[in-house]
Protein backbone atom coordinates (compact mmCIF):
# COMPACT_ATOMS: atom_id res chain seq x y z
CA UNK A 1 175.09 199.42 180.18
CA UNK A 2 174.16 198.87 176.55
CA UNK A 3 177.82 198.62 175.58
CA UNK A 4 177.90 201.56 173.20
CA UNK A 5 179.62 203.83 175.70
CA UNK A 6 182.56 203.16 177.96
CA UNK A 7 184.08 205.18 180.81
CA UNK A 8 187.62 205.82 181.99
CA UNK A 9 188.86 207.77 185.00
CA UNK A 10 189.87 211.34 184.16
CA UNK A 11 188.68 210.86 180.56
CA UNK A 12 184.94 210.46 180.95
CA UNK A 13 182.56 208.68 178.65
CA UNK A 14 183.43 207.80 175.08
CA UNK A 15 181.91 205.89 172.17
CA UNK A 16 183.25 202.32 171.89
CA UNK A 17 182.59 202.04 168.16
CA UNK A 18 180.98 198.62 168.55
CA UNK A 19 178.00 197.67 166.45
CA UNK A 20 174.94 195.91 167.79
CA UNK A 21 176.09 192.66 166.19
CA UNK A 22 179.47 192.90 167.89
CA UNK A 23 177.82 193.49 171.27
CA UNK A 24 175.49 190.54 170.71
CA UNK A 25 178.45 188.32 169.82
CA UNK A 26 180.24 189.36 173.01
CA UNK A 27 177.17 188.48 175.07
CA UNK A 28 176.73 185.12 173.31
CA UNK A 29 180.33 184.23 174.11
CA UNK A 30 179.59 184.68 177.82
CA UNK A 31 176.88 181.98 177.97
CA UNK A 32 178.01 178.52 179.02
CA UNK A 33 176.34 175.12 178.97
CA UNK A 34 176.32 174.95 182.79
CA UNK A 35 173.98 177.97 182.88
CA UNK A 36 171.23 176.36 180.78
CA UNK A 37 171.63 172.58 180.99
CA UNK A 38 168.70 170.50 182.19
CA UNK A 39 168.46 167.13 183.89
CA UNK A 40 169.25 164.13 181.68
CA UNK A 41 166.90 161.20 181.21
CA UNK A 42 169.09 158.13 181.60
CA UNK A 43 168.22 154.48 181.05
CA UNK A 44 170.16 151.27 181.53
CA UNK A 45 171.48 149.48 178.46
CA UNK A 46 169.57 146.31 179.35
CA UNK A 47 166.03 147.71 179.35
CA UNK A 48 163.67 146.78 176.56
CA UNK A 49 162.73 148.97 173.63
CA UNK A 50 159.15 148.96 174.92
CA UNK A 51 160.28 150.35 178.29
CA UNK A 52 162.38 152.99 176.51
CA UNK A 53 159.34 154.11 174.48
CA UNK A 54 157.34 154.37 177.70
CA UNK A 55 160.15 156.44 179.27
CA UNK A 56 160.19 158.83 176.30
CA UNK A 57 156.47 159.50 176.74
CA UNK A 58 156.47 159.67 180.54
CA UNK A 59 159.48 162.00 180.70
CA UNK A 60 158.31 164.01 177.64
CA UNK A 61 161.75 163.98 176.01
CA UNK A 62 163.05 163.19 172.55
CA UNK A 63 166.32 161.55 173.54
CA UNK A 64 167.35 158.99 176.14
CA UNK A 65 170.95 158.53 177.24
CA UNK A 66 171.97 154.92 177.73
CA UNK A 67 174.43 154.04 180.50
CA UNK A 68 176.16 150.84 181.58
CA UNK A 69 176.17 149.32 185.08
CA UNK A 70 178.86 151.85 186.11
CA UNK A 71 176.68 154.80 184.99
CA UNK A 72 178.96 155.65 182.07
CA UNK A 73 177.56 156.78 178.72
CA UNK A 74 177.47 153.96 176.18
CA UNK A 75 174.73 155.08 173.81
CA UNK A 76 171.95 157.43 172.80
CA UNK A 77 168.37 156.59 171.85
CA UNK A 78 166.44 159.07 169.75
CA UNK A 79 162.78 159.01 168.80
CA UNK A 80 163.90 158.01 165.32
CA UNK A 81 165.78 154.96 166.69
CA UNK A 82 162.73 153.87 168.66
CA UNK A 83 160.40 154.38 165.71
CA UNK A 84 162.69 152.40 163.41
CA UNK A 85 162.75 149.52 165.92
CA UNK A 86 158.98 149.51 166.32
CA UNK A 87 158.37 149.16 162.58
CA UNK A 88 158.26 145.49 161.78
CA UNK A 89 157.27 142.37 163.59
CA UNK A 90 159.82 142.38 166.43
CA UNK A 91 158.75 141.82 170.02
CA UNK A 92 159.61 145.20 171.59
CA UNK A 93 159.47 143.98 175.18
CA UNK A 94 162.10 141.33 174.42
CA UNK A 95 164.45 143.54 172.36
CA UNK A 96 167.10 145.34 174.48
CA UNK A 97 167.93 148.95 173.63
CA UNK A 98 171.64 148.17 173.28
CA UNK A 99 170.78 146.54 169.95
CA UNK A 100 169.28 149.68 168.38
CA UNK A 101 171.06 152.58 170.15
CA UNK A 102 173.70 154.83 168.65
CA UNK A 103 177.00 153.80 170.23
CA UNK A 104 180.25 155.48 171.11
CA UNK A 105 182.29 156.87 169.32
CA UNK A 106 179.39 158.09 167.16
CA UNK A 107 177.93 160.16 170.00
CA UNK A 108 178.39 163.90 169.99
CA UNK A 109 178.57 165.34 173.51
CA UNK A 110 179.57 168.50 175.34
CA UNK A 111 180.91 169.53 178.71
CA UNK A 112 179.50 172.05 181.18
CA UNK A 113 182.28 174.57 180.48
CA UNK A 114 181.61 174.66 176.71
CA UNK A 115 180.11 177.80 175.25
CA UNK A 116 176.42 177.48 174.41
CA UNK A 117 176.90 178.94 170.93
CA UNK A 118 179.39 176.16 170.09
CA UNK A 119 176.90 173.54 171.26
CA UNK A 120 174.20 175.17 169.12
CA UNK A 121 176.50 174.86 166.11
CA UNK A 122 177.04 171.15 166.88
CA UNK A 123 173.27 170.59 167.04
CA UNK A 124 172.84 172.27 163.66
CA UNK A 125 175.80 170.52 162.01
CA UNK A 126 174.79 167.05 163.22
CA UNK A 127 171.04 167.70 162.79
CA UNK A 128 170.20 166.36 166.26
CA UNK A 129 167.84 167.52 168.98
CA UNK A 130 170.03 167.31 172.08
CA UNK A 131 173.49 166.61 173.44
CA UNK A 132 174.47 164.91 176.66
CA UNK A 133 176.50 167.06 179.02
CA UNK A 134 179.25 164.80 180.34
CA UNK A 135 181.97 164.78 182.93
CA UNK A 136 185.09 163.05 181.64
CA UNK A 137 186.51 160.52 184.13
CA UNK A 138 189.23 157.90 183.91
CA UNK A 139 186.61 155.16 183.54
CA UNK A 140 184.49 156.89 180.91
CA UNK A 141 181.92 159.62 180.37
CA UNK A 142 179.48 160.35 183.17
CA UNK A 143 176.22 162.01 182.08
CA UNK A 144 175.51 165.10 184.22
CA UNK A 145 172.96 166.94 182.08
CA UNK A 146 171.57 167.60 178.64
CA UNK A 147 171.33 170.53 176.28
CA UNK A 148 168.37 170.66 173.95
CA UNK A 149 167.14 173.06 171.30
CA UNK A 150 164.68 174.32 173.92
CA UNK A 151 167.50 175.14 176.37
CA UNK A 152 169.28 177.14 173.68
CA UNK A 153 166.06 178.94 172.72
CA UNK A 154 165.53 179.90 176.39
CA UNK A 155 169.05 181.32 176.53
CA UNK A 156 168.55 183.39 173.38
CA UNK A 157 165.20 184.72 174.63
CA UNK A 158 166.81 185.63 177.97
CA UNK A 159 169.57 187.41 176.08
CA UNK A 160 167.09 189.47 174.06
CA UNK A 161 164.98 190.23 177.15
CA UNK A 162 168.10 191.46 178.95
CA UNK A 163 167.97 188.80 181.68
CA UNK A 164 171.60 187.82 181.16
């Protein structure tokens, strides 16, 4: 069960020769986004920056995914975007989020069938906190979930605890 031994009929048990790191890598490559994604927090592109800030606090998230009237991903709002917009003398309740959001094609995203380790690498490379999990359709990208640093940490803890 640990992966160090293997069995074959009429041969018996034998040493696989795999190191602990190799076994860990094999287990990491079996974890997919669909197993650890969480619900996305989605807002409409026409809401105000003030309402987006309220949503961030009420939902206790760091990133909001912005969708159009057809529920397709058009942007991402991070805490940094909201903080940048709130510095200055702008009226936050009159400023729509589509002015300050990060737009496509500058959005990094993943799909539910991606490996979690690849998504973790994207988060590190891009220095971001979360990725939207999308379903690609003919009309655009439909947000179905999100992967955060917390989701990935839960997966790694489950792996170490042997829950996978």
